C-alpha cells in the first residue's frame, strides 16, 4: 500500500506569513497571516515585514498542523520558499524550516516561489482541471510579468518578460496616483467593473512581441491625471470608475495581446495564469472568452492559490519529494531567483 506523504510548507517571501499541510497533492490546511502594518506606508517596509514574520511563524505553523488534523511526527518533509523575495523575510522562513527539519530528522526541500505559483495548478481540487504538458503560463504579480513555457513540472523556459515594471506595480502605482490606499490593485479592479473601459485611451508600449513594459503607461497615467485635475480639481472623484476601467482595459489588452503572440509562435493552446494579479476579474473574464473565441484551453487557479500562500509551496515541495530532490542544510535564501533556477 502507498504510504501517504505529508508536506509542511512555509512561505515568507514578502509580507504574508503562511504555512500549509498537504497530504499528497491535496490541501489539508492553508493558513495565512496578513501584515496590516504596511498599509499606512503605502507599500511593504522590509524591516517591519521580517519582524512580523518572526512574531507570526510559530502560531501559523502550529495552526496549520492542528487544522490538518495530524501531528508533526507524521510529517514526511518540510518545504520552504528559498526565493525570490525580501531577504529578511526569506531568512525567517528558511531558518525556521531548517531547524524544524533537523529537529524532526526529515528531509528539507527548497522551493522557488515563482515555480510554485505555476505549480499551484497541480493542487488536486474537485472542480479544477490540471493543465497538460506543454502549456504556457502567464505569471503576473507585484514583482513579475512573464510568459513561461512549461514542458514538465520543473522544466520551464521564459519566452518573454517585462523590461521594466511588473503588472502588479502598474496597478498599485496607478491606484496611488488616484489617491487609493495600498494595496490599490484590487480596488482598481473593483471600481473598473462599474466604469466605461473606453472612456479614456492610453497608448500601448511598443516593445518586442513577447516583452512587456509598464513604466511608460504609468507615466502616461500620471500626466493624464495631473492635467485633468489642474482643469477640474474634482476630476478623480467625478470619474473614478471610468478612469479605473480605462486603466484596467489597457493593461489587460497588453496581457492578452502577448498571450496571443505566444500561442502564434509556439502553437500551444493550453494557457494558464498564475501569481497575485491572476485574481483580477477582467483577466479571468477575457481568458474564459478566449476559450470560445480562439479555441484555447485556459486554466485559472482558485482565488486562494493566486496570492502568496504556502499551499503552492507545498505542492512544489511534494513534486520535488517524489523525485527525492532534497536540499542540503547549508542551503541559503536568495532574494533574486529566476523561475528557471
Protein backbone atom coordinates (compact mmCIF):
# COMPACT_ATOMS: atom_id res chain seq x y z
CA UNK A 1 0.00 0.00 0.00
CA UNK A 2 1.23 3.50 -0.92
CA UNK A 3 2.45 5.48 2.08
CA UNK A 4 0.80 8.88 2.46
CA UNK A 5 3.14 11.84 2.06
CA UNK A 6 2.56 14.78 4.39
CA UNK A 7 4.37 18.00 3.45
CA UNK A 8 4.50 21.03 5.73
CA UNK A 9 5.33 24.18 3.75
CA UNK A 10 6.39 27.63 4.89
CA UNK A 11 6.06 30.77 2.75
CA UNK A 12 7.61 34.04 3.93
CA UNK A 13 8.84 35.77 0.77
CA UNK A 14 7.16 39.15 1.26
CA UNK A 15 4.62 40.38 3.80
CA UNK A 16 2.39 37.33 4.40
CA UNK A 17 3.41 34.52 6.75
CA UNK A 18 1.84 31.29 5.58
CA UNK A 19 2.02 27.59 6.45
CA UNK A 20 0.20 24.70 4.80
CA UNK A 21 -0.04 20.94 5.10
CA UNK A 22 -0.60 18.74 2.06
CA UNK A 23 -1.48 15.05 2.06
CA UNK A 24 0.00 14.00 -1.28
CA UNK A 25 -1.47 16.60 -3.67
CA UNK A 26 -4.47 17.56 -1.53
CA UNK A 27 -4.58 20.60 0.78
CA UNK A 28 -5.39 19.78 4.41
CA UNK A 29 -4.70 23.30 5.69
CA UNK A 30 -3.50 26.64 4.33
CA UNK A 31 -3.06 29.33 6.98
CA UNK A 32 -2.11 32.93 6.09
CA UNK A 33 -1.31 35.76 8.50
CA UNK A 34 -1.54 39.12 6.72
CA UNK A 35 0.51 42.08 7.89
CA UNK A 36 -1.62 45.21 8.32
CA UNK A 37 1.37 47.34 9.34
CA UNK A 38 2.35 48.28 5.75
CA UNK A 39 -0.87 49.98 4.61
CA UNK A 40 -0.04 53.29 6.32
CA UNK A 41 3.31 53.43 4.49
CA UNK A 42 1.81 52.82 1.05
CA UNK A 43 4.00 49.76 0.41
CA UNK A 44 5.86 46.91 2.10
CA UNK A 45 8.57 48.00 4.57
CA UNK A 46 11.14 45.13 4.56
CA UNK A 47 12.35 45.59 8.17
CA UNK A 48 8.78 45.60 9.53
CA UNK A 49 7.91 42.59 7.35
CA UNK A 50 10.69 40.40 8.75
CA UNK A 51 9.80 41.38 12.34
CA UNK A 52 6.17 40.46 11.76
CA UNK A 53 7.23 37.09 10.28
CA UNK A 54 9.17 36.35 13.46
CA UNK A 55 6.06 37.01 15.54
CA UNK A 56 3.72 35.04 13.25
CA UNK A 57 5.69 31.98 12.18
CA UNK A 58 5.28 29.75 15.28
CA UNK A 59 1.50 30.26 15.71
CA UNK A 60 0.89 29.97 11.94
CA UNK A 61 2.82 26.68 11.64
CA UNK A 62 1.12 25.30 14.76
CA UNK A 63 -2.31 26.23 13.40
CA UNK A 64 -1.57 24.62 10.02
CA UNK A 65 -0.60 21.31 11.69
CA UNK A 66 -3.63 21.41 14.03
CA UNK A 67 -6.09 22.22 11.23
CA UNK A 68 -4.66 19.39 9.11
CA UNK A 69 -5.55 17.02 11.94
CA UNK A 70 -2.10 15.42 12.09
CA UNK A 71 0.89 15.53 14.43
CA UNK A 72 4.30 16.91 13.48
CA UNK A 73 5.70 13.36 13.81
CA UNK A 74 3.62 12.35 10.77
CA UNK A 75 5.31 14.90 8.50
CA UNK A 76 7.37 13.48 5.62
CA UNK A 77 9.30 16.67 4.78
CA UNK A 78 9.47 20.45 5.30
CA UNK A 79 9.29 22.69 2.22
CA UNK A 80 10.09 26.40 2.33
CA UNK A 81 10.45 29.38 -0.01
CA UNK A 82 14.11 29.92 -0.84
CA UNK A 83 13.45 32.95 -3.08
CA UNK A 84 12.85 35.27 -4.77
CA UNK A 85 11.65 37.79 -2.19
CA UNK A 86 12.72 40.16 0.55
CA UNK A 87 15.94 38.86 2.11
CA UNK A 88 14.93 39.50 5.73
CA UNK A 89 11.56 37.81 5.25
CA UNK A 90 13.08 34.81 3.45
CA UNK A 91 15.62 34.31 6.23
CA UNK A 92 12.88 33.90 8.85
CA UNK A 93 11.19 31.08 6.90
CA UNK A 94 14.47 29.46 5.86
CA UNK A 95 15.89 29.31 9.40
CA UNK A 96 12.63 28.03 10.87
CA UNK A 97 12.27 25.31 8.20
CA UNK A 98 15.89 24.17 8.69
CA UNK A 99 15.59 23.88 12.47
CA UNK A 100 12.25 22.06 12.26
CA UNK A 101 13.55 19.59 9.65
CA UNK A 102 16.64 18.98 11.79
CA UNK A 103 14.57 18.54 14.95
CA UNK A 104 12.22 16.05 13.29
CA UNK A 105 15.04 14.41 11.29
CA UNK A 106 13.13 14.64 7.99
CA UNK A 107 14.11 15.99 4.54
CA UNK A 108 14.26 19.71 3.82
CA UNK A 109 13.03 20.93 0.42
CA UNK A 110 13.78 24.38 -1.02
CA UNK A 111 11.18 25.85 -3.37
CA UNK A 112 11.40 28.57 -6.00
CA UNK A 113 8.48 30.93 -5.25
CA UNK A 114 7.86 31.70 -8.95
CA UNK A 115 7.78 28.00 -9.89
CA UNK A 116 5.37 27.41 -7.01
CA UNK A 117 2.92 29.99 -8.41
CA UNK A 118 2.82 27.96 -11.63
CA UNK A 119 2.72 24.56 -9.89
CA UNK A 120 -0.32 25.68 -7.84
CA UNK A 121 -2.26 24.38 -10.86
CA UNK A 122 -1.34 20.83 -9.77
CA UNK A 123 -3.11 21.05 -6.40
CA UNK A 124 -5.91 18.48 -6.51
CA UNK A 125 -9.25 20.29 -6.33
CA UNK A 126 -12.66 18.86 -7.23
CA UNK A 127 -13.68 21.39 -9.89
CA UNK A 128 -10.25 22.36 -11.25
CA UNK A 129 -8.65 20.85 -14.34
CA UNK A 130 -4.90 20.32 -14.40
CA UNK A 131 -3.07 21.66 -17.49
CA UNK A 132 -1.35 19.07 -19.73
CA UNK A 133 2.30 19.49 -20.78
CA UNK A 134 3.47 21.51 -22.57
CA UNK A 135 1.47 24.61 -21.59
CA UNK A 136 2.06 28.34 -21.49
CA UNK A 137 1.74 30.23 -18.23
CA UNK A 138 1.31 33.97 -17.86
CA UNK A 139 2.86 34.74 -14.47
CA UNK A 140 1.63 38.10 -13.22
CA UNK A 141 2.34 39.57 -9.80
CA UNK A 142 3.65 42.63 -8.00
CA UNK A 143 7.22 41.74 -8.89
CA UNK A 144 6.92 39.63 -12.07
CA UNK A 145 5.36 39.64 -15.52
CA UNK A 146 6.46 36.69 -17.63
CA UNK A 147 5.29 34.26 -20.27
CA UNK A 148 6.72 30.86 -19.40
CA UNK A 149 6.63 27.62 -21.38
CA UNK A 150 6.21 24.61 -19.05
CA UNK A 151 7.46 21.31 -20.52
CA UNK A 152 7.26 19.33 -17.27
CA UNK A 153 6.96 20.18 -13.56
CA UNK A 154 10.48 21.55 -13.30
CA UNK A 155 11.43 22.30 -16.89
CA UNK A 156 10.48 25.89 -17.62
CA UNK A 157 11.56 28.40 -20.24
CA UNK A 158 10.92 32.15 -20.16
CA UNK A 159 9.55 33.16 -23.56
CA UNK A 160 9.18 36.83 -22.67
CA UNK A 161 9.13 39.13 -19.67
CA UNK A 162 8.87 42.75 -18.60
CA UNK A 163 11.78 45.05 -19.39
CA UNK A 164 10.88 47.41 -16.52
CA UNK A 165 7.90 47.36 -14.11
CA UNK A 166 5.73 44.37 -13.32
CA UNK A 167 1.99 44.46 -13.97
CA UNK A 168 1.17 44.46 -10.24
CA UNK A 169 3.29 47.61 -9.83
CA UNK A 170 1.39 49.26 -12.71
CA UNK A 171 -1.87 48.59 -10.86
CA UNK A 172 -0.62 49.70 -7.43
CA UNK A 173 1.12 52.82 -8.74
CA UNK A 174 -1.92 53.84 -10.79
CA UNK A 175 -4.00 53.43 -7.64
CA UNK A 176 -1.54 55.60 -5.72
CA UNK A 177 -1.81 58.34 -8.38
CA UNK A 178 -5.60 58.18 -7.88
CA UNK A 179 -5.14 58.53 -4.11
CA UNK A 180 -6.36 54.99 -3.34
CA UNK A 181 -4.95 53.13 -0.30
CA UNK A 182 -2.31 50.37 -0.60
CA UNK A 183 -2.59 47.72 -1.98
CA UNK A 184 -4.55 49.54 -4.68
CA UNK A 185 -4.62 46.92 -7.46
CA UNK A 186 -7.75 45.10 -6.17
CA UNK A 187 -9.52 48.48 -5.76
CA UNK A 188 -8.79 49.48 -9.37
CA UNK A 189 -10.31 46.13 -10.41
CA UNK A 190 -13.36 46.67 -8.17
CA UNK A 191 -14.11 50.21 -9.41
CA UNK A 192 -13.35 49.28 -13.04
CA UNK A 193 -16.34 46.93 -13.04
CA UNK A 194 -18.66 49.93 -12.73
CA UNK A 195 -16.94 52.14 -15.32
CA UNK A 196 -16.66 52.55 -19.08
CA UNK A 197 -13.41 50.91 -20.33
CA UNK A 198 -13.39 53.08 -23.48
CA UNK A 199 -13.86 56.40 -21.62
CA UNK A 200 -10.16 57.33 -21.84
CA UNK A 201 -7.48 56.00 -24.16
CA UNK A 202 -3.91 55.19 -23.19
CA UNK A 203 -1.35 54.11 -25.77
CA UNK A 204 0.25 50.69 -25.52
CA UNK A 205 4.06 50.41 -25.32
CA UNK A 206 5.99 49.43 -28.43
CA UNK A 207 8.25 46.55 -27.36
CA UNK A 208 9.05 43.05 -28.65
CA UNK A 209 6.27 40.53 -29.40
CA UNK A 210 6.64 38.73 -26.08
CA UNK A 211 8.07 41.55 -23.97
CA UNK A 212 6.17 43.77 -21.56
CA UNK A 213 6.72 47.35 -20.44
CA UNK A 214 4.59 49.26 -17.96
CA UNK A 215 6.74 52.22 -16.90
CA UNK A 216 5.63 54.40 -19.85
CA UNK A 217 1.97 53.60 -19.21
CA UNK A 218 2.39 54.59 -15.56
CA UNK A 219 3.94 57.95 -16.56
CA UNK A 220 1.18 58.48 -19.12
CA UNK A 221 -1.49 57.92 -16.42
CA UNK A 222 0.32 60.32 -14.06
CA UNK A 223 0.45 63.14 -16.65
CA UNK A 224 -3.16 62.48 -17.70
CA UNK A 225 -4.39 62.80 -14.09
CA UNK A 226 -2.25 65.87 -13.36
CA UNK A 227 -3.51 67.66 -16.49
CA UNK A 228 -7.17 66.92 -15.80
CA UNK A 229 -7.00 67.70 -12.07
CA UNK A 230 -5.48 71.09 -12.96
CA UNK A 231 -8.53 71.83 -15.13
CA UNK A 232 -11.03 70.30 -12.68
CA UNK A 233 -9.94 69.63 -9.05
CA UNK A 234 -12.80 67.07 -8.68
CA UNK A 235 -11.82 65.16 -11.83
CA UNK A 236 -10.79 61.94 -9.99
CA UNK A 237 -13.88 61.80 -7.72
CA UNK A 238 -16.29 62.51 -10.59
CA UNK A 239 -14.72 59.98 -12.99
CA UNK A 240 -13.09 57.36 -10.73
CA UNK A 241 -14.95 54.34 -12.16
CA UNK A 242 -14.25 55.33 -15.78
CA UNK A 243 -10.57 56.06 -15.07
CA UNK A 244 -10.11 52.67 -13.36
CA UNK A 245 -11.98 50.87 -16.17
CA UNK A 246 -9.82 52.56 -18.83
CA UNK A 247 -6.57 51.73 -16.98
CA UNK A 248 -7.66 48.11 -16.47
CA UNK A 249 -8.77 47.77 -20.11
CA UNK A 250 -5.35 48.96 -21.35
CA UNK A 251 -3.39 46.64 -19.02
CA UNK A 252 -5.49 43.57 -19.85
CA UNK A 253 -5.31 44.36 -23.60
CA UNK A 254 -1.49 44.33 -23.33
CA UNK A 255 -1.52 40.98 -21.49
CA UNK A 256 -3.96 39.33 -23.93
CA UNK A 257 -2.02 40.56 -26.98
CA UNK A 258 1.19 38.98 -25.65
CA UNK A 259 -0.52 35.65 -24.90
CA UNK A 260 -1.90 35.63 -28.45
CA UNK A 261 1.63 36.20 -29.79
CA UNK A 262 2.94 33.33 -27.63
CA UNK A 263 0.23 30.97 -28.93
CA UNK A 264 1.05 32.00 -32.52
CA UNK A 265 4.79 31.40 -32.01
CA UNK A 266 4.57 28.09 -30.12
CA UNK A 267 1.32 26.56 -31.38
CA UNK A 268 0.47 25.71 -27.76
CA UNK A 269 -3.19 26.41 -26.91
CA UNK A 270 -3.20 25.34 -23.26
CA UNK A 271 -2.90 28.60 -21.32
CA UNK A 272 -2.60 29.04 -17.56
CA UNK A 273 -2.28 32.13 -15.37
CA UNK A 274 -0.52 32.40 -12.04
CA UNK A 275 0.53 34.99 -9.46
CA UNK A 276 -1.30 37.64 -7.45
CA UNK A 277 -2.69 39.56 -10.43
CA UNK A 278 -4.33 36.37 -11.74
CA UNK A 279 -7.03 37.12 -9.13
CA UNK A 280 -8.05 40.06 -11.36
CA UNK A 281 -11.64 39.71 -12.59
CA UNK A 282 -11.05 41.19 -16.07
CA UNK A 283 -8.10 38.95 -16.98
CA UNK A 284 -10.14 35.92 -15.81
CA UNK A 285 -13.14 37.04 -17.88
CA UNK A 286 -11.05 37.65 -21.01
CA UNK A 287 -9.31 34.28 -20.72
CA UNK A 288 -12.63 32.48 -20.37
CA UNK A 289 -13.83 34.29 -23.51
CA UNK A 290 -10.62 33.24 -25.33
CA UNK A 291 -11.65 29.60 -24.83
CA UNK A 292 -14.66 30.23 -27.09
CA UNK A 293 -13.07 32.76 -29.49
CA UNK A 294 -9.68 31.18 -30.15
CA UNK A 295 -10.22 27.55 -29.15
CA UNK A 296 -7.79 27.79 -26.25
CA UNK A 297 -7.98 25.68 -23.10
CA UNK A 298 -7.48 28.05 -20.19
CA UNK A 299 -6.58 27.15 -16.62
CA UNK A 300 -7.42 29.63 -13.89
CA UNK A 301 -6.35 28.89 -10.31
CA UNK A 302 -8.68 29.21 -7.33
CA UNK A 303 -8.53 32.64 -5.68
CA UNK A 304 -6.87 31.30 -2.52
CA UNK A 305 -3.92 29.97 -4.55
CA UNK A 306 -3.24 33.16 -6.54
CA UNK A 307 -1.69 35.42 -3.90
CA UNK A 308 1.32 34.31 -1.82
CA UNK A 309 0.33 31.20 0.12
CA UNK A 310 2.05 28.08 1.46
CA UNK A 311 -0.19 25.55 -0.35
CA UNK A 312 1.60 26.35 -3.63
CA UNK A 313 4.96 25.93 -1.87
CA UNK A 314 3.71 22.58 -0.52
CA UNK A 315 2.67 21.22 -3.94
CA UNK A 316 6.07 22.18 -5.38
CA UNK A 317 7.64 20.51 -2.32
CA UNK A 318 5.55 17.37 -2.84
CA UNK A 319 6.60 17.09 -6.51
CA UNK A 320 10.26 17.53 -5.52
CA UNK A 321 9.81 14.97 -2.71
CA UNK A 322 8.64 12.37 -5.26
CA UNK A 323 11.92 12.99 -7.14
CA UNK A 324 13.92 12.81 -3.86
CA UNK A 325 15.11 16.32 -4.72
CA UNK A 326 16.06 17.41 -1.20
CA UNK A 327 18.04 20.44 -0.03
CA UNK A 328 21.22 20.39 1.98
CA UNK A 329 21.07 22.03 5.42
CA UNK A 330 23.58 24.62 4.16
CA UNK A 331 21.05 25.93 1.57
CA UNK A 332 20.81 29.74 1.64
CA UNK A 333 17.90 32.08 0.94
CA UNK A 334 18.25 34.01 -2.31
CA UNK A 335 16.49 37.35 -2.85
CA UNK A 336 16.85 37.19 -6.64
CA UNK A 337 15.93 33.91 -8.27
CA UNK A 338 14.76 33.30 -11.84
CA UNK A 339 11.82 30.97 -12.49
CA UNK A 340 14.24 28.68 -14.37
CA UNK A 341 16.66 28.31 -11.41
